[in-house]
Amino acid sequence: MEPVSDPKTLLFVSKAIENIAPGWLAKETYHILSTDEFKEVLELAAPGKGFGLYSKSPLRRKPSPQ
């Protein structure tokens, strides 16, 4: 986990990735939007390259049955 200035953001940067060629890195960021919703951003970097967007996913807690 990497430090960030926004308390509603979690940032994780890999040191290595299983099942992918050596040297690749991944960066996963979670933006907390509310207690029931957040956004996940996954970025990948090839060896010697900068990070590029791989996927962006909005996630919402499923409402409990009434």
PDB file of N, CA and C in Angstrom:
ATOM      1  N   MET A   1       0.856  -1.172   0.000  1.00  0.00           N
ATOM      2  CA  MET A   1       0.000   0.000   0.000  1.00  0.00           C
ATOM      3  C   MET A   1       0.897   1.227   0.000  1.00  0.00           C
ATOM      4  N   GLU A   2       0.561   2.176  -0.834  1.00  0.00           N
ATOM      5  CA  GLU A   2       1.320   3.416  -0.950  1.00  0.00           C
ATOM      6  C   GLU A   2       0.578   4.541  -0.221  1.00  0.00           C
ATOM      7  N   PRO A   3       1.307   5.491   0.355  1.00  0.00           N
ATOM      8  CA  PRO A   3       0.635   6.618   1.025  1.00  0.00           C
ATOM      9  C   PRO A   3       0.006   7.564   0.001  1.00  0.00           C
ATOM     10  N   VAL A   4      -1.170   8.081   0.332  1.00  0.00           N
ATOM     11  CA  VAL A   4      -1.855   9.091  -0.478  1.00  0.00           C
ATOM     12  C   VAL A   4      -2.411  10.158   0.447  1.00  0.00           C
ATOM     13  N   SER A   5      -2.614  11.358  -0.084  1.00  0.00           N
ATOM     14  CA  SER A   5      -3.087  12.461   0.757  1.00  0.00           C
ATOM     15  C   SER A   5      -4.593  12.417   1.014  1.00  0.00           C
ATOM     16  N   ASP A   6      -5.342  11.719   0.159  1.00  0.00           N
ATOM     17  CA  ASP A   6      -6.794  11.644   0.305  1.00  0.00           C
ATOM     18  C   ASP A   6      -7.170  10.433   1.164  1.00  0.00           C
ATOM     19  N   PRO A   7      -7.818  10.633   2.322  1.00  0.00           N
ATOM     20  CA  PRO A   7      -8.165   9.507   3.183  1.00  0.00           C
ATOM     21  C   PRO A   7      -9.210   8.563   2.576  1.00  0.00           C
ATOM     22  N   LYS A   8      -9.859   8.970   1.496  1.00  0.00           N
ATOM     23  CA  LYS A   8     -10.853   8.112   0.846  1.00  0.00           C
ATOM     24  C   LYS A   8     -10.277   7.420  -0.385  1.00  0.00           C
ATOM     25  N   THR A   9      -8.957   7.338  -0.449  1.00  0.00           N
ATOM     26  CA  THR A   9      -8.288   6.669  -1.560  1.00  0.00           C
ATOM     27  C   THR A   9      -7.290   5.668  -1.010  1.00  0.00           C
ATOM     28  N   LEU A  10      -7.329   4.448  -1.556  1.00  0.00           N
ATOM     29  CA  LEU A  10      -6.357   3.409  -1.222  1.00  0.00           C
ATOM     30  C   LEU A  10      -5.577   3.091  -2.490  1.00  0.00           C
ATOM     31  N   LEU A  11      -4.248   3.044  -2.389  1.00  0.00           N
ATOM     32  CA  LEU A  11      -3.400   2.809  -3.553  1.00  0.00           C
ATOM     33  C   LEU A  11      -2.449   1.658  -3.262  1.00  0.00           C
ATOM     34  N   PHE A  12      -2.461   0.664  -4.150  1.00  0.00           N
ATOM     35  CA  PHE A  12      -1.592  -0.503  -4.020  1.00  0.00           C
ATOM     36  C   PHE A  12      -0.745  -0.618  -5.281  1.00  0.00           C
ATOM     37  N   VAL A  13       0.569  -0.796  -5.124  1.00  0.00           N
ATOM     38  CA  VAL A  13       1.474  -0.983  -6.258  1.00  0.00           C
ATOM     39  C   VAL A  13       2.221  -2.294  -6.048  1.00  0.00           C
ATOM     40  N   SER A  14       2.226  -3.130  -7.071  1.00  0.00           N
ATOM     41  CA  SER A  14       2.865  -4.445  -6.960  1.00  0.00           C
ATOM     42  C   SER A  14       4.381  -4.340  -7.066  1.00  0.00           C
ATOM     43  N   LYS A  15       5.039  -5.345  -6.548  1.00  0.00           N
ATOM     44  CA  LYS A  15       6.477  -5.501  -6.733  1.00  0.00           C
ATOM     45  C   LYS A  15       6.738  -6.572  -7.780  1.00  0.00           C
ATOM     46  N   ALA A  16       5.795  -7.478  -7.963  1.00  0.00           N
ATOM     47  CA  ALA A  16       5.851  -8.542  -8.964  1.00  0.00           C
ATOM     48  C   ALA A  16       4.429  -9.056  -9.161  1.00  0.00           C
ATOM     49  N   ILE A  17       4.199  -9.717 -10.303  1.00  0.00           N
ATOM     50  CA  ILE A  17       2.875 -10.251 -10.608  1.00  0.00           C
ATOM     51  C   ILE A  17       3.030 -11.715 -10.991  1.00  0.00           C
ATOM     52  N   GLU A  18       2.198 -12.562 -10.403  1.00  0.00           N
ATOM     53  CA  GLU A  18       2.186 -13.981 -10.785  1.00  0.00           C
ATOM     54  C   GLU A  18       1.636 -14.127 -12.193  1.00  0.00           C
ATOM     55  N   ASN A  19       2.087 -15.144 -12.899  1.00  0.00           N
ATOM     56  CA  ASN A  19       1.529 -15.528 -14.202  1.00  0.00           C
ATOM     57  C   ASN A  19       1.626 -14.446 -15.268  1.00  0.00           C
ATOM     58  N   ILE A  20       2.653 -13.615 -15.208  1.00  0.00           N
ATOM     59  CA  ILE A  20       2.893 -12.606 -16.244  1.00  0.00           C
ATOM     60  C   ILE A  20       4.412 -12.446 -16.338  1.00  0.00           C
ATOM     61  N   ALA A  21       4.880 -11.992 -17.461  1.00  0.00           N
ATOM     62  CA  ALA A  21       6.329 -11.878 -17.677  1.00  0.00           C
ATOM     63  C   ALA A  21       6.988 -10.998 -16.604  1.00  0.00           C
ATOM     64  N   PRO A  22       8.224 -11.334 -16.228  1.00  0.00           N
ATOM     65  CA  PRO A  22       8.944 -10.529 -15.234  1.00  0.00           C
ATOM     66  C   PRO A  22       9.057  -9.064 -15.666  1.00  0.00           C
ATOM     67  N   GLY A  23       9.010  -8.180 -14.689  1.00  0.00           N
ATOM     68  CA  GLY A  23       9.173  -6.756 -14.951  1.00  0.00           C
ATOM     69  C   GLY A  23       7.876  -5.975 -15.050  1.00  0.00           C
ATOM     70  N   TRP A  24       6.765  -6.650 -15.257  1.00  0.00           N
ATOM     71  CA  TRP A  24       5.483  -5.961 -15.305  1.00  0.00           C
ATOM     72  C   TRP A  24       5.081  -5.525 -13.892  1.00  0.00           C
ATOM     73  N   LEU A  25       4.376  -4.392 -13.806  1.00  0.00           N
ATOM     74  CA  LEU A  25       3.872  -3.885 -12.527  1.00  0.00           C
ATOM     75  C   LEU A  25       2.382  -3.603 -12.644  1.00  0.00           C
ATOM     76  N   ALA A  26       1.707  -3.647 -11.516  1.00  0.00           N
ATOM     77  CA  ALA A  26       0.285  -3.308 -11.464  1.00  0.00           C
ATOM     78  C   ALA A  26       0.069  -2.264 -10.380  1.00  0.00           C
ATOM     79  N   LYS A  27      -0.869  -1.373 -10.650  1.00  0.00           N
ATOM     80  CA  LYS A  27      -1.259  -0.361  -9.662  1.00  0.00           C
ATOM     81  C   LYS A  27      -2.776  -0.407  -9.568  1.00  0.00           C
ATOM     82  N   GLU A  28      -3.286  -0.616  -8.359  1.00  0.00           N
ATOM     83  CA  GLU A  28      -4.727  -0.690  -8.137  1.00  0.00           C
ATOM     84  C   GLU A  28      -5.121   0.414  -7.160  1.00  0.00           C
ATOM     85  N   THR A  29      -6.093   1.212  -7.577  1.00  0.00           N
ATOM     86  CA  THR A  29      -6.557   2.328  -6.760  1.00  0.00           C
ATOM     87  C   THR A  29      -8.036   2.147  -6.462  1.00  0.00           C
ATOM     88  N   TYR A  30      -8.401   2.331  -5.211  1.00  0.00           N
ATOM     89  CA  TYR A  30      -9.800   2.311  -4.790  1.00  0.00           C
ATOM     90  C   TYR A  30     -10.175   3.715  -4.332  1.00  0.00           C
ATOM     91  N   HIS A  31     -11.193   4.288  -4.948  1.00  0.00           N
ATOM     92  CA  HIS A  31     -11.732   5.590  -4.560  1.00  0.00           C
ATOM     93  C   HIS A  31     -13.041   5.323  -3.831  1.00  0.00           C
ATOM     94  N   ILE A  32     -13.077   5.603  -2.536  1.00  0.00           N
ATOM     95  CA  ILE A  32     -14.271   5.371  -1.730  1.00  0.00           C
ATOM     96  C   ILE A  32     -15.228   6.541  -1.949  1.00  0.00           C
ATOM     97  N   LEU A  33     -16.393   6.241  -2.500  1.00  0.00           N
ATOM     98  CA  LEU A  33     -17.374   7.283  -2.810  1.00  0.00           C
ATOM     99  C   LEU A  33     -18.408   7.433  -1.708  1.00  0.00           C
ATOM    100  N   SER A  34     -18.729   6.324  -1.047  1.00  0.00           N
ATOM    101  CA  SER A  34     -19.668   6.330   0.081  1.00  0.00           C
ATOM    102  C   SER A  34     -19.489   5.013   0.818  1.00  0.00           C
ATOM    103  N   THR A  35     -20.279   4.795   1.860  1.00  0.00           N
ATOM    104  CA  THR A  35     -20.170   3.532   2.589  1.00  0.00           C
ATOM    105  C   THR A  35     -20.635   2.353   1.746  1.00  0.00           C
ATOM    106  N   ASP A  36     -21.370   2.615   0.673  1.00  0.00           N
ATOM    107  CA  ASP A  36     -21.909   1.548  -0.169  1.00  0.00           C
ATOM    108  C   ASP A  36     -21.371   1.539  -1.597  1.00  0.00           C
ATOM    109  N   GLU A  37     -20.421   2.413  -1.903  1.00  0.00           N
ATOM    110  CA  GLU A  37     -19.975   2.521  -3.293  1.00  0.00           C
ATOM    111  C   GLU A  37     -18.517   2.952  -3.369  1.00  0.00           C
ATOM    112  N   PHE A  38     -17.780   2.309  -4.285  1.00  0.00           N
ATOM    113  CA  PHE A  38     -16.423   2.755  -4.574  1.00  0.00           C
ATOM    114  C   PHE A  38     -16.080   2.468  -6.025  1.00  0.00           C
ATOM    115  N   LYS A  39     -14.988   3.062  -6.486  1.00  0.00           N
ATOM    116  CA  LYS A  39     -14.522   2.884  -7.849  1.00  0.00           C
ATOM    117  C   LYS A  39     -13.144   2.249  -7.795  1.00  0.00           C
ATOM    118  N   GLU A  40     -12.929   1.224  -8.600  1.00  0.00           N
ATOM    119  CA  GLU A  40     -11.638   0.545  -8.679  1.00  0.00           C
ATOM    120  C   GLU A  40     -10.998   0.891 -10.020  1.00  0.00           C
ATOM    121  N   VAL A  41      -9.714   1.264  -9.998  1.00  0.00           N
ATOM    122  CA  VAL A  41      -8.961   1.546 -11.213  1.00  0.00           C
ATOM    123  C   VAL A  41      -7.720   0.656 -11.198  1.00  0.00           C
ATOM    124  N   LEU A  42      -7.544  -0.133 -12.255  1.00  0.00           N
ATOM    125  CA  LEU A  42      -6.389  -1.012 -12.375  1.00  0.00           C
ATOM    126  C   LEU A  42      -5.538  -0.533 -13.539  1.00  0.00           C
ATOM    127  N   GLU A  43      -4.253  -0.326 -13.267  1.00  0.00           N
ATOM    128  CA  GLU A  43      -3.310   0.105 -14.298  1.00  0.00           C
ATOM    129  C   GLU A  43      -2.160  -0.888 -14.351  1.00  0.00           C
ATOM    130  N   LEU A  44      -1.636  -1.123 -15.549  1.00  0.00           N
ATOM    131  CA  LEU A  44      -0.496  -2.013 -15.738  1.00  0.00           C
ATOM    132  C   LEU A  44       0.643  -1.257 -16.404  1.00  0.00           C
ATOM    133  N   ALA A  45       1.873  -1.698 -16.120  1.00  0.00           N
ATOM    134  CA  ALA A  45       3.060  -1.106 -16.735  1.00  0.00           C
ATOM    135  C   ALA A  45       3.964  -2.223 -17.240  1.00  0.00           C
ATOM    136  N   ALA A  46       4.265  -2.189 -18.537  1.00  0.00           N
ATOM    137  CA  ALA A  46       5.231  -3.120 -19.111  1.00  0.00           C
ATOM    138  C   ALA A  46       6.627  -2.737 -18.613  1.00  0.00           C
ATOM    139  N   PRO A  47       7.577  -3.651 -18.679  1.00  0.00           N
ATOM    140  CA  PRO A  47       8.931  -3.337 -18.216  1.00  0.00           C
ATOM    141  C   PRO A  47       9.471  -2.046 -18.858  1.00  0.00           C
ATOM    142  N   GLY A  48       9.903  -1.115 -18.020  1.00  0.00           N
ATOM    143  CA  GLY A  48      10.469   0.145 -18.489  1.00  0.00           C
ATOM    144  C   GLY A  48       9.468   1.156 -18.998  1.00  0.00           C
ATOM    145  N   LYS A  49       8.182   0.877 -18.891  1.00  0.00           N
ATOM    146  CA  LYS A  49       7.127   1.787 -19.373  1.00  0.00           C
ATOM    147  C   LYS A  49       6.328   2.348 -18.208  1.00  0.00           C
ATOM    148  N   GLY A  50       5.559   3.392 -18.476  1.00  0.00           N
ATOM    149  CA  GLY A  50       4.685   3.971 -17.466  1.00  0.00           C
ATOM    150  C   GLY A  50       3.381   3.194 -17.365  1.00  0.00           C
ATOM    151  N   PHE A  51       2.615   3.492 -16.332  1.00  0.00           N
ATOM    152  CA  PHE A  51       1.335   2.828 -16.120  1.00  0.00           C
ATOM    153  C   PHE A  51       0.304   3.307 -17.134  1.00  0.00           C
ATOM    154  N   GLY A  52      -0.527   2.380 -17.596  1.00  0.00           N
ATOM    155  CA  GLY A  52      -1.630   2.690 -18.488  1.00  0.00           C
ATOM    156  C   GLY A  52      -2.892   2.020 -17.969  1.00  0.00           C
ATOM    157  N   LEU A  53      -4.030   2.625 -18.229  1.00  0.00           N
ATOM    158  CA  LEU A  53      -5.308   2.110 -17.748  1.00  0.00           C
ATOM    159  C   LEU A  53      -5.586   0.737 -18.340  1.00  0.00           C
ATOM    160  N   TYR A  54      -5.932  -0.210 -17.480  1.00  0.00           N
ATOM    161  CA  TYR A  54      -6.331  -1.545 -17.907  1.00  0.00           C
ATOM    162  C   TYR A  54      -7.834  -1.740 -17.709  1.00  0.00           C
ATOM    163  N   SER A  55      -8.336  -1.315 -16.548  1.00  0.00           N
ATOM    164  CA  SER A  55      -9.778  -1.397 -16.316  1.00  0.00           C
ATOM    165  C   SER A  55     -10.201  -0.384 -15.263  1.00  0.00           C
ATOM    166  N   LYS A  56     -11.472  -0.016 -15.349  1.00  0.00           N
ATOM    167  CA  LYS A  56     -12.077   0.898 -14.376  1.00  0.00           C
ATOM    168  C   LYS A  56     -13.448   0.324 -14.061  1.00  0.00           C
ATOM    169  N   SER A  57     -13.740   0.109 -12.782  1.00  0.00           N
ATOM    170  CA  SER A  57     -14.985  -0.556 -12.397  1.00  0.00           C
ATOM    171  C   SER A  57     -15.680   0.175 -11.262  1.00  0.00           C
ATOM    172  N   PRO A  58     -16.931   0.603 -11.493  1.00  0.00           N
ATOM    173  CA  PRO A  58     -17.716   1.124 -10.373  1.00  0.00           C
ATOM    174  C   PRO A  58     -18.310  -0.064  -9.614  1.00  0.00           C
ATOM    175  N   LEU A  59     -18.232  -0.036  -8.306  1.00  0.00           N
ATOM    176  CA  LEU A  59     -18.731  -1.136  -7.476  1.00  0.00           C
ATOM    177  C   LEU A  59     -19.693  -0.579  -6.431  1.00  0.00           C
ATOM    178  N   ARG A  60     -20.816  -1.263  -6.280  1.00  0.00           N
ATOM    179  CA  ARG A  60     -21.844  -0.822  -5.337  1.00  0.00           C
ATOM    180  C   ARG A  60     -22.315  -2.015  -4.532  1.00  0.00           C
ATOM    181  N   ARG A  61     -22.507  -1.792  -3.226  1.00  0.00           N
ATOM    182  CA  ARG A  61     -23.017  -2.845  -2.357  1.00  0.00           C
ATOM    183  C   ARG A  61     -24.443  -3.209  -2.770  1.00  0.00           C
ATOM    184  N   LYS A  62     -24.698  -4.499  -2.825  1.00  0.00           N
ATOM    185  CA  LYS A  62     -26.045  -4.973  -3.164  1.00  0.00           C
ATOM    186  C   LYS A  62     -26.959  -4.693  -1.973  1.00  0.00           C
ATOM    187  N   PRO A  63     -28.105  -4.066  -2.224  1.00  0.00           N
ATOM    188  CA  PRO A  63     -29.025  -3.815  -1.099  1.00  0.00           C
ATOM    189  C   PRO A  63     -29.480  -5.129  -0.469  1.00  0.00           C
ATOM    190  N   SER A  64     -29.629  -5.129   0.833  1.00  0.00           N
ATOM    191  CA  SER A  64     -30.097  -6.328   1.516  1.00  0.00           C
ATOM    192  C   SER A  64     -31.590  -6.507   1.266  1.00  0.00           C
ATOM    193  N   PRO A  65     -32.041  -7.744   1.206  1.00  0.00           N
ATOM    194  CA  PRO A  65     -33.476  -7.992   0.996  1.00  0.00           C
ATOM    195  C   PRO A  65     -34.299  -7.410   2.139  1.00  0.00           C
ATOM    196  N   GLN A  66     -35.411  -6.867   1.824  1.00  0.00           N
ATOM    197  CA  GLN A  66     -36.281  -6.245   2.841  1.00  0.00           C
ATOM    198  C   GLN A  66     -37.210  -7.246   3.443  1.00  0.00           C
TER     199      GLN A  66
END
